[in-house]
Every structure is written in structure tokens, then in C-alpha cells.
Amino acid sequence: MNTQPAAPARKQVLAAIIGNALEWYDFIVFGFLAVVISRLFFPAESEYSALLMATATFGVGFFMRPVGGVLLGIYADRRGRKAALQLIIALMTLSIAMIAFAPPFAAIGVAAPLLIVLARLLQGFATGGEFASATSFLIESAPANRRGLYGSWQMFGQGLAVFCGAGVTALVTHGLSPQDLDAWGWRIPFMIGLVIGPVGLWMRRNLAETEAFLEARQAPKEQQSLSRMLRQHLRQVLTVMALTVCGTVSFYMILVYMPTFANRQLGLELDDAFTAQVIAVAVLTLLMPVFGALSDRIGRKRLILLASASLLVALYPLFSWIHAAPSFERLVAMQVLLCAVLAAFFGPFSAAVAEQFPAGVRSTGLALAYNVAVMIFGGFAQFIVTWLIHATGIAIAPVFYVLFAVVLGLIGACFLIDRTHEAHLAAVDADPSRPPVPAPSRPAIAQGL
């Protein structure tokens, strides 16, 4: 049996990255446009109440993520990564269309927010299976000494989605009057995602199934179930959950919520906030593959610990600094620095968590741990900090929530089994909890895409 998978065709990896970016683009755009959507679909007695309902609707989609994650994860482990990735992007395209063409409250009354909530539930179900299926595909396709690099492309896709979403939203908010933005301009980012949807579906039809999945399906084994997976891999599930709490809270607070925070709490113009976001997310997106490749050399656990500790030290001083004298320049500096540190965390993240599970339950285990953590701590992050700011009167209250998540991430990193130099992922199937076996010494050979 071949002990090292051949490097996948470039178009195979690009198909996974582009499809993944499209999934997250539309999911993220809703968060960016929460201020506008709150006015159109959730009219209330006060601006605060409308925004609270809009951010709650953003979080509602996360209720379906564990359900979609587990069901689509089981589907991916039984039918294949390719089949799951195709189904996911079809469901996401449908949900995008529902939001893009939804009439506002003024046109159809209470049916308008109900339609948005339904679309968000469908988005949550589809997105719940995306991370586990795409990560499993990329990691299982990678050469043994390039899993960090290949895994980083999953997070690169998410960064690309945030970058494109922030860029399109910045252009729309900067180029249109407030009246035109409310009337029709807010639909433009969703329409773009709707147009690209069929392209992503076509690309995913050309994916080839991974060798690791085919081997796992052919190997004799007991029938897996969710309860059996939890009994056998509880430590891995809890470890991945703790790391995901750190990642998801940091992602949604530092990236998705920041334009709203800069506008509402710092008094900066919304288009300036989105411009700063585009610059910072570009740094994040470009650096993640660099840190993913670096983790292949120095180890994923070491890099994740270093990044988490850096976040813990930097967060409060930076938030206090910008609150003391809000400006576009300070916002850019803070976001660029935080995104550089986040790149060091997210670069090795996908490979590190995927290496904790054997191929037979990799999608299911990842989907459960990742989506439960995201639902509880990430989905309602905007809602929680909006409430915290209102209840405490402290403008920088969001930083305390992020610090709490980073502490959990540090604890999870301490229990992470570092399989950076594992010769082959099939070794994880035999005993996922045993110490890693180093790959045999060999000359370093560049094996990029």
C-alpha cells in the first residue's frame, strides 16, 4: 500500500478552496450588513432593539450548524468527501437566493423576518458540514510533510471570503447613498454570491475522492455511530472544541463584528471601518499559508500555543489604545497586528484538529466538535457583546469575551497531540490517542501545489 498520497492536481485543491470561500462569503456578508438588515427586516422601537434582533438572527443560523455538521459529517464519512461538498454548496446557493430576493418588512410584514430566519437556518445547516468535509478532503490529499500547508488553504478560503465580503460591502456602502443602500444596494453582495454558486457546484463535481477515505471504506470495521465515536474519541472532541472556541470568537469579534463596533462604539464612518477591514483581512489571508507551511517544520502545537499567548497579551492594550483616541489609522494598525497573530493560529489549525481523528470518523468528529463550539460561543458572539456593551456601559466590553475564549484555547492547545511529523495519517486509524510516530528521515523536497 502506498504510504504517501500523491500531490493532488492543482485544480482539485482550487475547487475545494473556491467552493469553501463561496460558502463562507455569503455567511459572512450577513454579519457585515447587520446594521442595514436590522432597519429593513426588524423594525423596532429603538435602534438598539433592531440591531439586537438582527444579530440574534445571525446567531440563529448557528443552531442548525451542529445538526447539519453531524448529518453531513456522517454523510461524508459514508458516501465520500466529494458527495458531501456538492450537497453543501447546493444548499448554500438556495439559502443565498432566499435572502437576495427577500422583500422587506414594509412590503410583506412579519413574513419578511421569518423568511430571513428560515434562510439563515438553511445556511447554518449547509455551513455546518463545510469545515469538516473540506478540511478532511485537503488533509487527506496532502503529502505527509505538507499537511499544514494544505490544511491552511481551508482557512485561506475563509479569509478570502471575509476579504471579498468586506471589499464588496465597502464598495457598496461607500459608493451608494444611504437611501439607495437601503432600497437595493444591500442586495448586491448576495447577488454576487448567487451568480458564483453554480460555478462552485460545477467545480466540485470534478473533485476526485481521497485515497484515505477509500482505504477507510474498504477496511473491515465495526459500524460507527455518533455515540461510539464520542466514547472512543471524547478527549479529541473536547480538545478540538476548546481550540475552536478560541478561533471562532476571535474570528467573529475581530473580523465580522469589528465594522459594527467601529461604527457604533468608536464613531468611525462605516466605509472607513470596512476599508480598514479589507486591509487587515488581506494580511490575514496572505499569511495563513505561510504559517501553515511553517507548522510543517516547527510543529503545529508549538505555533498554536505561541499565537494564543500573543493574543492574550495584546488584546486588552490594543482595544484600550484605540478607544482612547479612535481614528482610521489606529483601527488599521490594530486590525493588521491582530490579524497577523490570528494567521499564526489559523495557519496550522485545520491540520492540527484533523490529525486528531482517524479517517473513518474524521468528518463526523470534526463536525461535531467544531460546530458545537461555534454555535455556543461564536454564533451569538455579536449578540452577547452588543448586550454586554449596553448592560455595562463599557465600550470595549467585547475584549473580555475574546480573552475568555483565548484562555480556553490555550488549555486546549496543551492537550493537543502534535502529529506534525507523523509519517502517514493511516497511523492515526490504529490508535488515535497514542504518541505520534515520526516520519523517516529524508531529504527535504519542495512539494508545493
Protein backbone atom coordinates (compact mmCIF):
# COMPACT_ATOMS: atom_id res chain seq x y z
CA MET A 1 0.00 0.00 0.00
CA ASN A 2 1.22 3.46 -0.84
CA THR A 3 2.24 5.25 2.35
CA GLN A 4 2.24 8.76 0.95
CA PRO A 5 -0.55 10.25 -1.11
CA ALA A 6 0.40 11.80 -4.37
CA ALA A 7 0.11 15.54 -4.55
CA PRO A 8 -3.41 16.30 -5.84
CA ALA A 9 -3.96 18.08 -9.11
CA ARG A 10 -3.89 21.84 -8.70
CA LYS A 11 -7.45 22.18 -9.96
CA GLN A 12 -8.64 19.73 -7.28
CA VAL A 13 -7.32 21.89 -4.45
CA LEU A 14 -8.52 25.09 -6.13
CA ALA A 15 -12.02 23.62 -6.43
CA ALA A 16 -12.09 22.93 -2.70
CA ILE A 17 -10.75 26.41 -1.85
CA ILE A 18 -13.10 28.32 -4.16
CA GLY A 19 -16.15 26.36 -3.07
CA ASN A 20 -15.23 26.86 0.57
CA ALA A 21 -14.70 30.60 0.03
CA LEU A 22 -18.13 30.91 -1.59
CA GLU A 23 -19.77 29.08 1.32
CA TRP A 24 -18.31 31.49 3.86
CA TYR A 25 -18.65 34.63 1.74
CA ASP A 26 -22.42 34.64 1.90
CA PHE A 27 -22.50 33.53 5.51
CA ILE A 28 -20.20 36.41 6.50
CA VAL A 29 -21.86 39.13 4.38
CA PHE A 30 -24.98 38.86 6.53
CA GLY A 31 -22.92 39.79 9.58
CA PHE A 32 -21.32 42.74 7.79
CA LEU A 33 -24.73 44.09 6.75
CA ALA A 34 -26.39 43.58 10.13
CA VAL A 35 -26.88 47.34 10.61
CA VAL A 36 -28.76 47.70 7.29
CA ILE A 37 -30.73 44.47 7.61
CA SER A 38 -31.87 45.45 11.11
CA ARG A 39 -33.54 48.58 9.68
CA LEU A 40 -35.28 46.78 6.81
CA PHE A 41 -36.39 43.49 8.32
CA PHE A 42 -36.53 44.04 12.08
CA PRO A 43 -38.19 47.42 12.76
CA ALA A 44 -38.36 48.11 16.49
CA GLU A 45 -38.96 50.90 18.98
CA SER A 46 -35.22 51.63 19.25
CA GLU A 47 -32.18 51.24 17.04
CA TYR A 48 -30.57 49.09 19.75
CA SER A 49 -33.53 46.64 19.76
CA ALA A 50 -33.48 46.34 15.96
CA LEU A 51 -29.74 45.66 15.91
CA LEU A 52 -30.11 43.14 18.73
CA MET A 53 -32.74 41.23 16.74
CA ALA A 54 -30.60 41.29 13.59
CA THR A 55 -27.54 39.95 15.42
CA ALA A 56 -29.75 37.32 17.07
CA THR A 57 -30.88 36.25 13.59
CA PHE A 58 -27.22 36.00 12.57
CA GLY A 59 -26.81 33.66 15.53
CA VAL A 60 -29.94 31.63 14.76
CA GLY A 61 -28.17 30.03 11.82
CA PHE A 62 -25.69 28.55 14.27
CA PHE A 63 -28.40 26.47 15.94
CA MET A 64 -28.52 24.33 12.81
CA ARG A 65 -24.77 24.01 12.44
CA PRO A 66 -24.29 21.04 14.82
CA VAL A 67 -27.27 19.29 13.21
CA GLY A 68 -26.01 19.93 9.70
CA GLY A 69 -22.44 19.25 10.75
CA VAL A 70 -23.18 15.82 12.25
CA LEU A 71 -25.58 14.71 9.49
CA LEU A 72 -23.35 15.96 6.68
CA GLY A 73 -20.28 14.65 8.50
CA ILE A 74 -21.79 11.17 8.70
CA TYR A 75 -22.77 11.51 5.04
CA ALA A 76 -19.17 12.47 4.14
CA ASP A 77 -17.73 9.54 6.12
CA ARG A 78 -20.09 7.09 4.41
CA ARG A 79 -20.63 8.47 0.90
CA GLY A 80 -17.40 10.42 0.45
CA ARG A 81 -15.97 13.93 0.73
CA LYS A 82 -16.93 14.80 -2.86
CA ALA A 83 -20.62 13.94 -2.45
CA ALA A 84 -20.88 15.97 0.76
CA LEU A 85 -19.15 19.02 -0.72
CA GLN A 86 -21.54 19.03 -3.69
CA LEU A 87 -24.64 18.80 -1.48
CA ILE A 88 -23.38 21.57 0.81
CA ILE A 89 -22.83 24.12 -1.95
CA ALA A 90 -26.26 23.39 -3.50
CA LEU A 91 -27.98 24.06 -0.16
CA MET A 92 -26.00 27.25 0.37
CA THR A 93 -26.92 28.58 -3.07
CA LEU A 94 -30.61 28.09 -2.28
CA SER A 95 -30.31 30.00 1.01
CA ILE A 96 -28.46 32.85 -0.73
CA ALA A 97 -31.33 33.22 -3.21
CA MET A 98 -33.86 33.42 -0.37
CA ILE A 99 -32.00 36.35 1.23
CA ALA A 100 -31.14 38.13 -2.04
CA PHE A 101 -34.79 38.28 -3.15
CA ALA A 102 -36.48 38.67 0.26
CA PRO A 103 -38.99 41.58 0.38
CA PRO A 104 -38.51 43.92 3.37
CA PHE A 105 -40.85 44.27 6.35
CA ALA A 106 -42.54 47.26 4.76
CA ALA A 107 -43.68 45.08 1.84
CA ILE A 108 -44.85 41.82 3.42
CA GLY A 109 -44.85 42.49 7.16
CA VAL A 110 -43.89 39.77 9.62
CA ALA A 111 -43.26 37.28 6.80
CA ALA A 112 -40.07 39.21 5.94
CA PRO A 113 -38.11 38.45 9.14
CA LEU A 114 -39.47 34.88 9.11
CA LEU A 115 -38.09 34.38 5.60
CA ILE A 116 -34.69 35.70 6.68
CA VAL A 117 -34.66 33.39 9.71
CA LEU A 118 -35.54 30.38 7.52
CA ALA A 119 -32.73 31.24 5.09
CA ARG A 120 -30.29 31.58 7.99
CA LEU A 121 -31.31 28.16 9.32
CA LEU A 122 -30.64 26.60 5.91
CA GLN A 123 -27.31 28.45 5.69
CA GLY A 124 -26.37 27.14 9.12
CA PHE A 125 -27.21 23.56 8.16
CA ALA A 126 -25.09 23.73 4.99
CA THR A 127 -22.17 25.58 6.54
CA GLY A 128 -22.13 23.12 9.44
CA GLY A 129 -20.75 20.44 7.14
CA GLU A 130 -18.35 22.64 5.17
CA PHE A 131 -15.39 22.88 7.54
CA ALA A 132 -15.19 19.16 8.33
CA SER A 133 -15.72 17.96 4.75
CA ALA A 134 -13.36 20.48 3.12
CA THR A 135 -10.70 20.01 5.81
CA SER A 136 -10.85 16.22 5.56
CA PHE A 137 -10.51 16.44 1.79
CA LEU A 138 -7.49 18.75 1.89
CA ILE A 139 -5.64 16.97 4.71
CA GLU A 140 -6.18 13.53 3.21
CA SER A 141 -5.00 14.80 -0.18
CA ALA A 142 -1.75 16.27 1.18
CA PRO A 143 1.76 14.77 1.16
CA ALA A 144 2.88 13.80 4.69
CA ASN A 145 5.22 16.76 5.08
CA ARG A 146 2.78 19.32 3.66
CA ARG A 147 -0.42 18.75 5.69
CA GLY A 148 -0.02 22.09 7.46
CA LEU A 149 0.24 23.93 4.15
CA TYR A 150 -2.69 22.10 2.56
CA GLY A 151 -4.84 22.48 5.67
CA SER A 152 -4.15 26.21 5.72
CA TRP A 153 -5.89 26.53 2.35
CA GLN A 154 -9.15 25.76 4.14
CA MET A 155 -8.70 28.77 6.40
CA PHE A 156 -7.34 30.71 3.41
CA GLY A 157 -10.73 30.15 1.79
CA GLN A 158 -12.46 31.61 4.83
CA GLY A 159 -10.09 34.57 4.85
CA LEU A 160 -10.70 35.08 1.13
CA ALA A 161 -14.44 35.04 1.83
CA VAL A 162 -14.11 37.71 4.52
CA PHE A 163 -11.82 39.75 2.26
CA CYS A 164 -14.23 39.63 -0.67
CA GLY A 165 -17.25 40.21 1.55
CA ALA A 166 -15.63 43.19 3.24
CA GLY A 167 -14.42 44.56 -0.11
CA VAL A 168 -17.80 44.33 -1.83
CA THR A 169 -19.58 45.75 1.22
CA ALA A 170 -17.07 48.61 1.46
CA LEU A 171 -17.68 49.49 -2.21
CA VAL A 172 -21.44 49.37 -1.76
CA THR A 173 -21.51 51.46 1.42
CA HIS A 174 -19.01 53.97 0.02
CA GLY A 175 -20.50 54.29 -3.47
CA LEU A 176 -24.20 54.48 -2.66
CA SER A 177 -26.28 56.94 -0.73
CA PRO A 178 -27.95 55.68 2.47
CA GLN A 179 -31.30 55.71 0.65
CA ASP A 180 -30.03 53.61 -2.27
CA LEU A 181 -28.23 51.27 0.11
CA ASP A 182 -31.46 50.55 1.96
CA ALA A 183 -33.55 50.39 -1.20
CA TRP A 184 -31.49 47.92 -3.24
CA GLY A 185 -27.74 48.27 -2.68
CA TRP A 186 -27.59 45.82 0.24
CA ARG A 187 -28.68 43.02 -2.13
CA ILE A 188 -25.62 43.38 -4.39
CA PRO A 189 -23.19 41.31 -2.23
CA PHE A 190 -25.74 38.48 -2.02
CA MET A 191 -26.40 38.62 -5.78
CA ILE A 192 -22.68 38.20 -6.46
CA GLY A 193 -22.63 35.06 -4.32
CA LEU A 194 -25.73 33.77 -6.09
CA VAL A 195 -24.10 34.17 -9.51
CA ILE A 196 -20.96 32.31 -8.42
CA GLY A 197 -22.88 29.43 -6.81
CA PRO A 198 -23.38 27.31 -9.96
CA VAL A 199 -19.68 27.75 -10.82
CA GLY A 200 -18.67 26.34 -7.44
CA LEU A 201 -21.07 23.42 -7.86
CA TRP A 202 -19.64 22.61 -11.29
CA MET A 203 -16.07 22.74 -9.94
CA ARG A 204 -16.87 20.37 -7.08
CA ARG A 205 -18.32 17.82 -9.47
CA ASN A 206 -14.77 17.39 -10.81
CA LEU A 207 -13.23 16.52 -7.44
CA ALA A 208 -11.64 13.08 -7.05
CA GLU A 209 -12.25 11.13 -3.84
CA THR A 210 -9.33 10.97 -1.38
CA GLU A 211 -7.22 7.84 -1.02
CA ALA A 212 -7.56 7.89 2.79
CA PHE A 213 -11.36 7.76 2.57
CA LEU A 214 -11.30 4.94 0.01
CA GLU A 215 -8.92 2.93 2.21
CA ALA A 216 -11.04 3.53 5.31
CA ARG A 217 -14.20 2.44 3.49
CA GLN A 218 -12.61 -0.80 2.30
CA ALA A 219 -11.08 -1.71 5.66
CA PRO A 220 -13.15 -4.08 7.87
CA LYS A 221 -14.53 -2.21 10.87
CA GLU A 222 -17.42 -2.04 13.30
CA GLN A 223 -20.43 0.06 12.36
CA GLN A 224 -19.72 3.56 13.57
CA SER A 225 -22.29 5.69 15.34
CA LEU A 226 -22.23 9.10 16.96
CA SER A 227 -22.31 7.61 20.47
CA ARG A 228 -19.49 5.18 19.67
CA MET A 229 -17.41 7.99 18.20
CA LEU A 230 -17.89 10.05 21.37
CA ARG A 231 -16.91 7.14 23.63
CA GLN A 232 -13.78 6.38 21.64
CA HIS A 233 -12.66 9.94 20.89
CA LEU A 234 -14.01 12.12 23.71
CA ARG A 235 -10.62 13.63 24.52
CA GLN A 236 -10.07 14.62 20.90
CA VAL A 237 -13.57 16.14 20.66
CA LEU A 238 -13.04 18.25 23.80
CA THR A 239 -9.58 19.36 22.66
CA VAL A 240 -10.86 20.46 19.25
CA MET A 241 -13.82 22.22 20.89
CA ALA A 242 -11.53 24.27 23.14
CA LEU A 243 -9.32 25.31 20.22
CA THR A 244 -12.38 26.15 18.14
CA VAL A 245 -13.79 28.39 20.88
CA CYS A 246 -10.64 30.49 20.67
CA GLY A 247 -10.71 30.59 16.89
CA THR A 248 -14.42 31.24 16.38
CA VAL A 249 -14.77 34.00 18.98
CA SER A 250 -11.62 35.72 17.69
CA PHE A 251 -12.84 35.36 14.10
CA TYR A 252 -16.31 36.79 14.65
CA MET A 253 -15.27 39.52 17.07
CA ILE A 254 -12.07 40.74 15.39
CA LEU A 255 -13.26 40.28 11.80
CA VAL A 256 -17.05 40.14 11.45
CA TYR A 257 -18.17 42.36 14.34
CA MET A 258 -15.41 44.96 14.10
CA PRO A 259 -17.08 47.22 11.48
CA THR A 260 -20.20 47.43 13.66
CA PHE A 261 -18.06 48.08 16.75
CA ALA A 262 -16.00 50.76 14.99
CA ASN A 263 -19.15 52.48 13.75
CA ARG A 264 -21.31 52.24 16.87
CA GLN A 265 -18.76 52.46 19.70
CA LEU A 266 -15.86 54.37 18.18
CA GLY A 267 -17.88 56.73 15.99
CA LEU A 268 -15.95 55.95 12.80
CA GLU A 269 -17.58 56.04 9.38
CA LEU A 270 -18.87 52.66 8.19
CA ASP A 271 -16.96 52.82 4.90
CA ASP A 272 -13.73 53.62 6.81
CA ALA A 273 -14.35 50.62 9.06
CA PHE A 274 -14.79 48.33 6.05
CA THR A 275 -11.70 49.75 4.35
CA ALA A 276 -9.62 49.00 7.45
CA GLN A 277 -11.16 45.53 7.47
CA VAL A 278 -10.16 44.86 3.87
CA ILE A 279 -6.54 45.79 4.61
CA ALA A 280 -6.35 43.65 7.75
CA VAL A 281 -8.08 40.63 6.23
CA ALA A 282 -5.71 40.78 3.24
CA VAL A 283 -2.83 40.41 5.71
CA LEU A 284 -4.60 37.51 7.45
CA THR A 285 -5.37 35.71 4.19
CA LEU A 286 -1.86 36.01 2.77
CA LEU A 287 -0.11 34.97 5.98
CA MET A 288 -2.15 31.85 6.78
CA PRO A 289 -0.48 29.62 4.15
CA VAL A 290 2.89 30.94 5.32
CA PHE A 291 2.21 29.86 8.89
CA GLY A 292 0.63 26.62 7.69
CA ALA A 293 3.87 25.77 5.88
CA LEU A 294 5.90 26.89 8.90
CA SER A 295 3.95 24.48 11.11
CA ASP A 296 5.16 21.62 8.89
CA ARG A 297 8.69 22.48 10.04
CA ILE A 298 8.44 23.58 13.68
CA GLY A 299 5.27 21.77 14.78
CA ARG A 300 1.62 22.79 14.95
CA LYS A 301 1.22 22.64 18.72
CA ARG A 302 4.14 25.00 19.33
CA LEU A 303 2.84 27.55 16.83
CA ILE A 304 -0.74 27.46 18.15
CA LEU A 305 0.47 27.94 21.74
CA LEU A 306 2.62 30.90 20.70
CA ALA A 307 -0.22 32.56 18.79
CA SER A 308 -2.73 32.06 21.60
CA ALA A 309 -0.35 33.52 24.19
CA SER A 310 0.31 36.51 21.94
CA LEU A 311 -3.41 37.20 21.61
CA LEU A 312 -3.83 37.01 25.37
CA VAL A 313 -1.13 39.63 25.87
CA ALA A 314 -2.09 42.01 23.04
CA LEU A 315 -5.90 42.20 23.08
CA TYR A 316 -6.67 44.49 26.02
CA PRO A 317 -3.88 47.05 25.38
CA LEU A 318 -4.90 47.37 21.72
CA PHE A 319 -8.62 47.83 22.44
CA SER A 320 -7.81 50.38 25.15
CA TRP A 321 -5.44 52.20 22.79
CA ILE A 322 -7.99 52.66 20.02
CA HIS A 323 -10.79 53.55 22.43
CA ALA A 324 -8.65 56.33 23.92
CA ALA A 325 -8.28 58.06 20.53
CA PRO A 326 -10.39 56.47 17.76
CA SER A 327 -9.06 57.01 14.25
CA PHE A 328 -8.87 55.22 10.93
CA GLU A 329 -5.09 54.90 11.24
CA ARG A 330 -5.28 53.30 14.69
CA LEU A 331 -8.02 50.95 13.56
CA VAL A 332 -5.87 49.77 10.63
CA ALA A 333 -2.82 49.30 12.87
CA MET A 334 -4.77 47.33 15.48
CA GLN A 335 -6.53 45.13 12.92
CA VAL A 336 -3.34 44.36 10.98
CA LEU A 337 -1.48 43.34 14.15
CA LEU A 338 -4.33 41.18 15.44
CA CYS A 339 -4.85 39.56 12.05
CA ALA A 340 -1.15 38.72 11.80
CA VAL A 341 -1.37 36.92 15.14
CA LEU A 342 -4.61 35.20 14.10
CA ALA A 343 -2.85 33.97 10.94
CA ALA A 344 -0.31 32.18 13.13
CA PHE A 345 -3.22 30.46 14.92
CA PHE A 346 -5.37 29.63 11.89
CA GLY A 347 -2.48 28.58 9.62
CA PRO A 348 -1.84 25.26 11.42
CA PHE A 349 -5.35 24.96 12.92
CA SER A 350 -7.09 22.83 10.27
CA ALA A 351 -4.30 20.26 10.02
CA ALA A 352 -3.88 20.10 13.80
CA VAL A 353 -7.53 19.33 14.51
CA ALA A 354 -7.97 16.95 11.55
CA GLU A 355 -4.95 14.91 12.68
CA GLN A 356 -6.71 14.12 15.96
CA PHE A 357 -9.26 11.77 14.30
CA PRO A 358 -8.99 8.62 12.14
CA ALA A 359 -10.35 8.74 8.59
CA GLY A 360 -13.44 6.65 9.35
CA VAL A 361 -14.85 9.29 11.72
CA ARG A 362 -12.80 12.33 10.74
CA SER A 363 -15.65 14.35 9.20
CA THR A 364 -18.10 13.38 11.94
CA GLY A 365 -15.70 14.10 14.81
CA LEU A 366 -14.55 17.40 13.33
CA ALA A 367 -18.10 18.50 12.51
CA LEU A 368 -19.42 17.78 15.99
CA ALA A 369 -16.56 19.41 17.92
CA TYR A 370 -16.22 22.38 15.59
CA ASN A 371 -19.91 23.22 15.18
CA VAL A 372 -20.97 22.82 18.80
CA ALA A 373 -18.21 25.23 19.83
CA VAL A 374 -19.10 27.64 17.04
CA MET A 375 -22.81 27.52 17.89
CA ILE A 376 -22.38 28.17 21.61
CA PHE A 377 -19.52 30.67 21.58
CA GLY A 378 -19.31 32.10 18.05
CA GLY A 379 -22.82 32.31 16.66
CA PHE A 380 -24.10 34.59 19.37
CA ALA A 381 -20.84 36.47 19.92
CA GLN A 382 -22.22 39.63 18.32
CA PHE A 383 -25.45 39.33 20.31
CA ILE A 384 -23.56 38.78 23.58
CA VAL A 385 -21.19 41.72 23.19
CA THR A 386 -23.97 44.03 21.97
CA TRP A 387 -25.81 43.17 25.19
CA LEU A 388 -22.62 43.47 27.27
CA ILE A 389 -21.87 46.95 25.98
CA HIS A 390 -25.45 48.07 26.64
CA ALA A 391 -25.65 46.46 30.10
CA THR A 392 -22.24 47.56 31.40
CA GLY A 393 -21.76 50.82 29.56
CA ILE A 394 -18.16 49.76 28.80
CA ALA A 395 -17.38 50.37 25.13
CA ILE A 396 -14.55 47.81 25.00
CA ALA A 397 -16.56 45.04 26.70
CA PRO A 398 -16.03 42.75 23.66
CA VAL A 399 -12.37 42.30 24.63
CA PHE A 400 -13.29 40.44 27.81
CA TYR A 401 -15.30 37.87 25.87
CA VAL A 402 -12.38 37.30 23.48
CA LEU A 403 -9.93 36.95 26.37
CA PHE A 404 -12.14 34.27 27.92
CA ALA A 405 -12.12 32.35 24.62
CA VAL A 406 -8.34 32.66 24.24
CA VAL A 407 -7.81 31.15 27.71
CA LEU A 408 -9.93 28.13 26.69
CA GLY A 409 -7.86 27.86 23.51
CA LEU A 410 -4.63 27.80 25.49
CA ILE A 411 -5.98 24.96 27.63
CA GLY A 412 -7.00 23.02 24.52
CA ALA A 413 -3.59 23.55 22.93
CA CYS A 414 -1.92 21.99 25.96
CA PHE A 415 -3.86 18.73 25.33
CA LEU A 416 -3.30 18.71 21.58
CA ILE A 417 -1.50 15.63 20.21
CA ASP A 418 1.06 17.02 17.77
CA ARG A 419 1.20 14.76 14.71
CA THR A 420 3.14 17.21 12.55
CA HIS A 421 5.83 14.67 11.69
CA GLU A 422 3.56 11.61 11.52
CA ALA A 423 4.63 9.55 8.51
CA HIS A 424 1.09 8.80 7.32
CA LEU A 425 -2.42 9.66 8.52
CA ALA A 426 -3.37 5.99 8.34
CA ALA A 427 -1.33 5.53 11.52
CA VAL A 428 -3.95 7.58 13.36
CA ASP A 429 -6.57 4.97 12.47
CA ALA A 430 -4.82 2.30 14.51
CA ASP A 431 -4.80 4.26 17.81
CA PRO A 432 -5.59 7.99 17.71
CA SER A 433 -4.55 8.57 21.34
CA ARG A 434 -1.07 7.07 21.13
CA PRO A 435 2.06 9.25 20.81
CA PRO A 436 2.90 10.23 17.22
CA VAL A 437 5.39 8.25 15.16
CA PRO A 438 7.96 10.45 13.37
CA ALA A 439 8.36 10.21 9.63
CA PRO A 440 11.60 8.58 8.46
CA SER A 441 14.45 10.97 7.70
CA ARG A 442 14.69 12.01 4.08
CA PRO A 443 15.99 14.95 2.08
CA ALA A 444 13.72 17.96 2.13
CA ILE A 445 11.90 18.14 -1.19
CA ALA A 446 9.68 21.06 -2.15
CA GLN A 447 6.19 19.71 -2.75
CA GLY A 448 4.03 22.77 -3.24
CA LEU A 449 0.79 22.87 -5.19
